[in-house]
Amino acid sequence: MPYYNTNNMNVFLEELSKEYKEDIILLVCDGAIWHKSKTLKIPQNIKITHIPPYTPEMNPIEQIWKQIRQMGFKNEVFRTLNEVVDRLCDTINLLTKDMVKSITRREWIKYIF
């Protein structure tokens, strides 16, 4: 999706619901405005809960970004935006499935939901 807004979130939720129509999906979202919009259309098989504000430790993507910064952006100066994008793509491609699992795994999550 080219950008984030409520309309695109609605498209995402609709597609997610169709793909997993036999399942109940618990979607944990941050406080982005499009996650809480009054015009958000939440399908029957999707339940949304929100993490508390200012809790990056509860948002796994924050740990992924931290890893990306350590692997590819530490003490670096870039001359162009294209250099930044290229480095970001290269660094993301270095992330293995096991690395992502180890970074984002949260044992305590089973006690919250």
N, C-alpha and C. Protein backbone atom coordinates (compact mmCIF):
# COMPACT_ATOMS: atom_id res chain seq x y z
N MET A 1 0.84 -1.17 0.00
CA MET A 1 0.00 0.00 0.00
C MET A 1 0.89 1.24 0.00
N PRO A 2 0.53 2.21 -0.78
CA PRO A 2 1.39 3.39 -0.92
C PRO A 2 1.46 4.26 0.33
N TYR A 3 0.42 4.26 1.14
CA TYR A 3 0.42 5.06 2.36
C TYR A 3 -0.63 4.49 3.31
N TYR A 4 -0.57 4.92 4.54
CA TYR A 4 -1.48 4.40 5.56
C TYR A 4 -2.59 5.39 5.82
N ASN A 5 -3.81 4.88 5.82
CA ASN A 5 -4.98 5.66 6.23
C ASN A 5 -6.10 4.67 6.50
N THR A 6 -7.24 5.18 6.91
CA THR A 6 -8.35 4.31 7.27
C THR A 6 -8.85 3.51 6.07
N ASN A 7 -8.90 4.13 4.91
CA ASN A 7 -9.37 3.40 3.72
C ASN A 7 -8.48 2.19 3.43
N ASN A 8 -7.18 2.39 3.48
CA ASN A 8 -6.27 1.27 3.22
C ASN A 8 -6.34 0.23 4.33
N MET A 9 -6.54 0.68 5.56
CA MET A 9 -6.70 -0.27 6.68
C MET A 9 -7.95 -1.11 6.46
N ASN A 10 -9.02 -0.49 5.97
CA ASN A 10 -10.25 -1.23 5.68
C ASN A 10 -10.02 -2.28 4.60
N VAL A 11 -9.26 -1.93 3.57
CA VAL A 11 -8.93 -2.89 2.51
C VAL A 11 -8.14 -4.05 3.10
N PHE A 12 -7.14 -3.73 3.93
CA PHE A 12 -6.33 -4.76 4.57
C PHE A 12 -7.20 -5.69 5.41
N LEU A 13 -8.07 -5.13 6.24
CA LEU A 13 -8.92 -5.96 7.11
C LEU A 13 -9.85 -6.85 6.29
N GLU A 14 -10.40 -6.30 5.23
CA GLU A 14 -11.29 -7.09 4.37
C GLU A 14 -10.55 -8.26 3.73
N GLU A 15 -9.36 -8.01 3.21
CA GLU A 15 -8.57 -9.07 2.58
C GLU A 15 -8.11 -10.11 3.61
N LEU A 16 -7.71 -9.65 4.78
CA LEU A 16 -7.30 -10.55 5.85
C LEU A 16 -8.47 -11.45 6.25
N SER A 17 -9.63 -10.85 6.39
CA SER A 17 -10.84 -11.59 6.76
C SER A 17 -11.18 -12.66 5.72
N LYS A 18 -11.09 -12.30 4.46
CA LYS A 18 -11.39 -13.25 3.38
C LYS A 18 -10.39 -14.41 3.37
N GLU A 19 -9.12 -14.08 3.55
CA GLU A 19 -8.06 -15.10 3.51
C GLU A 19 -8.21 -16.11 4.64
N TYR A 20 -8.67 -15.65 5.79
CA TYR A 20 -8.79 -16.51 6.98
C TYR A 20 -10.24 -16.54 7.46
N LYS A 21 -11.15 -16.75 6.52
CA LYS A 21 -12.58 -16.65 6.85
C LYS A 21 -13.06 -17.68 7.87
N GLU A 22 -12.36 -18.77 8.03
CA GLU A 22 -12.76 -19.80 9.00
C GLU A 22 -12.17 -19.56 10.38
N ASP A 23 -11.32 -18.57 10.51
CA ASP A 23 -10.61 -18.31 11.76
C ASP A 23 -11.10 -17.04 12.43
N ILE A 24 -10.85 -16.97 13.73
CA ILE A 24 -11.01 -15.73 14.47
C ILE A 24 -9.61 -15.13 14.60
N ILE A 25 -9.45 -13.89 14.22
CA ILE A 25 -8.15 -13.24 14.20
C ILE A 25 -8.10 -12.18 15.28
N LEU A 26 -7.08 -12.25 16.12
CA LEU A 26 -6.82 -11.19 17.10
C LEU A 26 -5.69 -10.35 16.54
N LEU A 27 -6.00 -9.12 16.23
CA LEU A 27 -5.03 -8.20 15.65
C LEU A 27 -4.62 -7.19 16.72
N VAL A 28 -3.34 -7.18 17.04
CA VAL A 28 -2.82 -6.26 18.06
C VAL A 28 -2.22 -5.06 17.33
N CYS A 29 -2.79 -3.89 17.57
CA CYS A 29 -2.38 -2.68 16.86
C CYS A 29 -1.80 -1.64 17.81
N ASP A 30 -1.02 -0.75 17.24
CA ASP A 30 -0.53 0.38 18.03
C ASP A 30 -1.57 1.50 17.99
N GLY A 31 -1.20 2.68 18.38
CA GLY A 31 -2.16 3.77 18.48
C GLY A 31 -2.32 4.62 17.24
N ALA A 32 -1.91 4.12 16.10
CA ALA A 32 -2.05 4.90 14.86
C ALA A 32 -3.51 5.29 14.66
N ILE A 33 -3.73 6.48 14.17
CA ILE A 33 -5.08 7.02 14.02
C ILE A 33 -5.97 6.11 13.17
N TRP A 34 -5.40 5.48 12.14
CA TRP A 34 -6.19 4.62 11.26
C TRP A 34 -6.53 3.29 11.93
N HIS A 35 -5.90 2.96 13.04
CA HIS A 35 -6.25 1.75 13.79
C HIS A 35 -7.44 1.99 14.71
N LYS A 36 -7.78 3.26 14.94
CA LYS A 36 -8.84 3.60 15.89
C LYS A 36 -9.95 4.44 15.28
N SER A 37 -9.90 4.65 14.00
CA SER A 37 -10.85 5.52 13.32
C SER A 37 -12.29 5.04 13.49
N LYS A 38 -13.20 5.99 13.60
CA LYS A 38 -14.63 5.65 13.71
C LYS A 38 -15.16 5.05 12.41
N THR A 39 -14.47 5.29 11.31
CA THR A 39 -14.91 4.73 10.03
C THR A 39 -14.22 3.41 9.69
N LEU A 40 -13.49 2.87 10.65
CA LEU A 40 -12.85 1.57 10.45
C LEU A 40 -13.92 0.48 10.41
N LYS A 41 -13.86 -0.36 9.40
CA LYS A 41 -14.84 -1.44 9.23
C LYS A 41 -14.17 -2.76 9.63
N ILE A 42 -14.54 -3.24 10.80
CA ILE A 42 -13.90 -4.45 11.33
C ILE A 42 -14.80 -5.65 11.03
N PRO A 43 -14.31 -6.58 10.22
CA PRO A 43 -15.09 -7.78 9.90
C PRO A 43 -15.40 -8.61 11.16
N GLN A 44 -16.43 -9.43 11.05
CA GLN A 44 -16.90 -10.25 12.18
C GLN A 44 -15.82 -11.15 12.75
N ASN A 45 -14.95 -11.67 11.90
CA ASN A 45 -13.96 -12.64 12.39
C ASN A 45 -12.64 -11.99 12.84
N ILE A 46 -12.63 -10.67 12.94
CA ILE A 46 -11.42 -9.97 13.40
C ILE A 46 -11.74 -9.20 14.67
N LYS A 47 -10.91 -9.38 15.66
CA LYS A 47 -10.99 -8.63 16.92
C LYS A 47 -9.72 -7.80 17.01
N ILE A 48 -9.86 -6.53 17.35
CA ILE A 48 -8.70 -5.65 17.45
C ILE A 48 -8.52 -5.22 18.89
N THR A 49 -7.28 -5.31 19.35
CA THR A 49 -6.91 -4.77 20.66
C THR A 49 -5.70 -3.86 20.42
N HIS A 50 -5.50 -2.93 21.32
CA HIS A 50 -4.42 -1.94 21.14
C HIS A 50 -3.41 -2.04 22.27
N ILE A 51 -2.15 -1.89 21.90
CA ILE A 51 -1.12 -1.84 22.94
C ILE A 51 -1.17 -0.46 23.59
N PRO A 52 -0.76 -0.37 24.84
CA PRO A 52 -0.76 0.93 25.50
C PRO A 52 0.22 1.90 24.82
N PRO A 53 -0.06 3.19 24.90
CA PRO A 53 0.87 4.15 24.31
C PRO A 53 2.23 4.13 25.01
N TYR A 54 3.26 4.47 24.26
CA TYR A 54 4.62 4.59 24.78
C TYR A 54 5.14 3.28 25.37
N THR A 55 4.84 2.18 24.70
CA THR A 55 5.35 0.88 25.13
C THR A 55 6.01 0.17 23.93
N PRO A 56 7.14 0.67 23.48
CA PRO A 56 7.79 0.06 22.31
C PRO A 56 8.17 -1.40 22.54
N GLU A 57 8.38 -1.77 23.81
CA GLU A 57 8.73 -3.17 24.10
C GLU A 57 7.58 -4.12 23.77
N MET A 58 6.36 -3.60 23.67
CA MET A 58 5.21 -4.43 23.33
C MET A 58 4.93 -4.45 21.82
N ASN A 59 5.67 -3.65 21.07
CA ASN A 59 5.47 -3.56 19.63
C ASN A 59 6.69 -4.18 18.94
N PRO A 60 6.58 -5.43 18.50
CA PRO A 60 7.73 -6.15 17.95
C PRO A 60 8.45 -5.44 16.81
N ILE A 61 7.75 -4.65 16.02
CA ILE A 61 8.42 -3.99 14.91
C ILE A 61 9.47 -3.01 15.40
N GLU A 62 9.28 -2.48 16.61
CA GLU A 62 10.28 -1.56 17.16
C GLU A 62 11.62 -2.28 17.38
N GLN A 63 11.56 -3.54 17.80
CA GLN A 63 12.80 -4.31 17.98
C GLN A 63 13.43 -4.66 16.63
N ILE A 64 12.60 -4.88 15.63
CA ILE A 64 13.12 -5.14 14.28
C ILE A 64 13.86 -3.90 13.77
N TRP A 65 13.24 -2.73 13.93
CA TRP A 65 13.89 -1.49 13.49
C TRP A 65 15.20 -1.28 14.24
N LYS A 66 15.21 -1.60 15.52
CA LYS A 66 16.45 -1.46 16.31
C LYS A 66 17.54 -2.35 15.72
N GLN A 67 17.19 -3.59 15.38
CA GLN A 67 18.16 -4.52 14.78
C GLN A 67 18.64 -4.00 13.43
N ILE A 68 17.73 -3.48 12.62
CA ILE A 68 18.10 -2.93 11.31
C ILE A 68 19.07 -1.77 11.48
N ARG A 69 18.79 -0.90 12.44
CA ARG A 69 19.69 0.23 12.68
C ARG A 69 21.08 -0.25 13.10
N GLN A 70 21.13 -1.26 13.96
CA GLN A 70 22.43 -1.79 14.41
C GLN A 70 23.19 -2.46 13.28
N MET A 71 22.48 -3.18 12.43
CA MET A 71 23.14 -3.93 11.36
C MET A 71 23.57 -3.06 10.18
N GLY A 72 22.80 -2.02 9.88
CA GLY A 72 23.08 -1.33 8.63
C GLY A 72 23.20 0.17 8.69
N PHE A 73 22.94 0.77 9.84
CA PHE A 73 22.90 2.22 9.87
C PHE A 73 23.72 2.85 11.00
N LYS A 74 24.49 2.04 11.69
CA LYS A 74 25.28 2.54 12.81
C LYS A 74 26.45 3.38 12.29
N ASN A 75 26.54 4.62 12.77
CA ASN A 75 27.63 5.53 12.40
C ASN A 75 27.79 5.68 10.89
N GLU A 76 26.69 5.82 10.20
CA GLU A 76 26.72 5.97 8.74
C GLU A 76 26.15 7.32 8.33
N VAL A 77 26.71 7.88 7.29
CA VAL A 77 26.18 9.09 6.68
C VAL A 77 25.91 8.75 5.22
N PHE A 78 24.73 9.11 4.75
CA PHE A 78 24.35 8.80 3.37
C PHE A 78 24.22 10.10 2.58
N ARG A 79 24.64 10.06 1.34
CA ARG A 79 24.58 11.26 0.50
C ARG A 79 23.22 11.45 -0.16
N THR A 80 22.54 10.34 -0.42
CA THR A 80 21.26 10.44 -1.13
C THR A 80 20.22 9.54 -0.48
N LEU A 81 18.98 9.83 -0.76
CA LEU A 81 17.89 8.98 -0.28
C LEU A 81 18.00 7.59 -0.90
N ASN A 82 18.42 7.51 -2.14
CA ASN A 82 18.58 6.20 -2.79
C ASN A 82 19.59 5.33 -2.05
N GLU A 83 20.65 5.93 -1.53
CA GLU A 83 21.62 5.16 -0.74
C GLU A 83 20.97 4.60 0.52
N VAL A 84 20.12 5.40 1.15
CA VAL A 84 19.42 4.94 2.35
C VAL A 84 18.49 3.78 2.00
N VAL A 85 17.72 3.93 0.94
CA VAL A 85 16.79 2.88 0.53
C VAL A 85 17.55 1.60 0.17
N ASP A 86 18.64 1.74 -0.57
CA ASP A 86 19.44 0.56 -0.94
C ASP A 86 19.97 -0.14 0.30
N ARG A 87 20.50 0.62 1.24
CA ARG A 87 21.03 0.02 2.47
C ARG A 87 19.92 -0.65 3.27
N LEU A 88 18.77 0.00 3.34
CA LEU A 88 17.64 -0.58 4.06
C LEU A 88 17.24 -1.91 3.43
N CYS A 89 17.11 -1.95 2.13
CA CYS A 89 16.74 -3.20 1.44
C CYS A 89 17.79 -4.28 1.68
N ASP A 90 19.06 -3.92 1.56
CA ASP A 90 20.13 -4.89 1.80
C ASP A 90 20.09 -5.43 3.23
N THR A 91 19.86 -4.54 4.18
CA THR A 91 19.85 -4.94 5.59
C THR A 91 18.64 -5.82 5.89
N ILE A 92 17.49 -5.46 5.37
CA ILE A 92 16.29 -6.28 5.58
C ILE A 92 16.51 -7.67 5.01
N ASN A 93 17.16 -7.75 3.86
CA ASN A 93 17.42 -9.05 3.24
C ASN A 93 18.38 -9.91 4.05
N LEU A 94 19.16 -9.29 4.93
CA LEU A 94 20.06 -10.05 5.80
C LEU A 94 19.33 -10.67 7.00
N LEU A 95 18.15 -10.17 7.30
CA LEU A 95 17.39 -10.72 8.42
C LEU A 95 16.88 -12.11 8.06
N THR A 96 17.23 -13.08 8.86
CA THR A 96 16.74 -14.44 8.63
C THR A 96 15.45 -14.66 9.41
N LYS A 97 14.74 -15.69 9.03
CA LYS A 97 13.51 -16.04 9.73
C LYS A 97 13.78 -16.28 11.22
N ASP A 98 14.87 -16.98 11.52
CA ASP A 98 15.21 -17.25 12.92
C ASP A 98 15.57 -15.98 13.69
N MET A 99 16.25 -15.04 13.02
CA MET A 99 16.57 -13.77 13.67
C MET A 99 15.29 -13.03 14.04
N VAL A 100 14.38 -12.95 13.09
CA VAL A 100 13.12 -12.23 13.33
C VAL A 100 12.34 -12.90 14.45
N LYS A 101 12.29 -14.23 14.44
CA LYS A 101 11.60 -14.95 15.52
C LYS A 101 12.21 -14.63 16.87
N SER A 102 13.53 -14.67 16.95
CA SER A 102 14.19 -14.45 18.24
C SER A 102 14.01 -13.01 18.72
N ILE A 103 13.96 -12.07 17.80
CA ILE A 103 13.80 -10.66 18.17
C ILE A 103 12.37 -10.38 18.62
N THR A 104 11.40 -10.98 17.97
CA THR A 104 10.00 -10.62 18.21
C THR A 104 9.26 -11.56 19.15
N ARG A 105 9.84 -12.68 19.48
CA ARG A 105 9.15 -13.63 20.36
C ARG A 105 8.93 -13.02 21.73
N ARG A 106 7.72 -13.10 22.19
CA ARG A 106 7.35 -12.57 23.50
C ARG A 106 6.63 -13.66 24.28
N GLU A 107 7.33 -14.27 25.21
CA GLU A 107 6.74 -15.35 26.00
C GLU A 107 5.56 -14.87 26.84
N TRP A 108 5.62 -13.62 27.29
CA TRP A 108 4.58 -13.10 28.18
C TRP A 108 3.26 -12.85 27.46
N ILE A 109 3.27 -12.83 26.12
CA ILE A 109 2.07 -12.48 25.37
C ILE A 109 0.91 -13.43 25.67
N LYS A 110 1.21 -14.69 25.94
CA LYS A 110 0.15 -15.67 26.20
C LYS A 110 -0.62 -15.36 27.48
N TYR A 111 -0.03 -14.58 28.36
CA TYR A 111 -0.70 -14.26 29.62
C TYR A 111 -1.59 -13.02 29.51
N ILE A 112 -1.43 -12.26 28.44
CA ILE A 112 -2.21 -11.04 28.28
C ILE A 112 -3.54 -11.30 27.60
N PHE A 113 -3.53 -12.16 26.59
CA PHE A 113 -4.73 -12.38 25.82
C PHE A 113 -5.31 -13.71 26.19
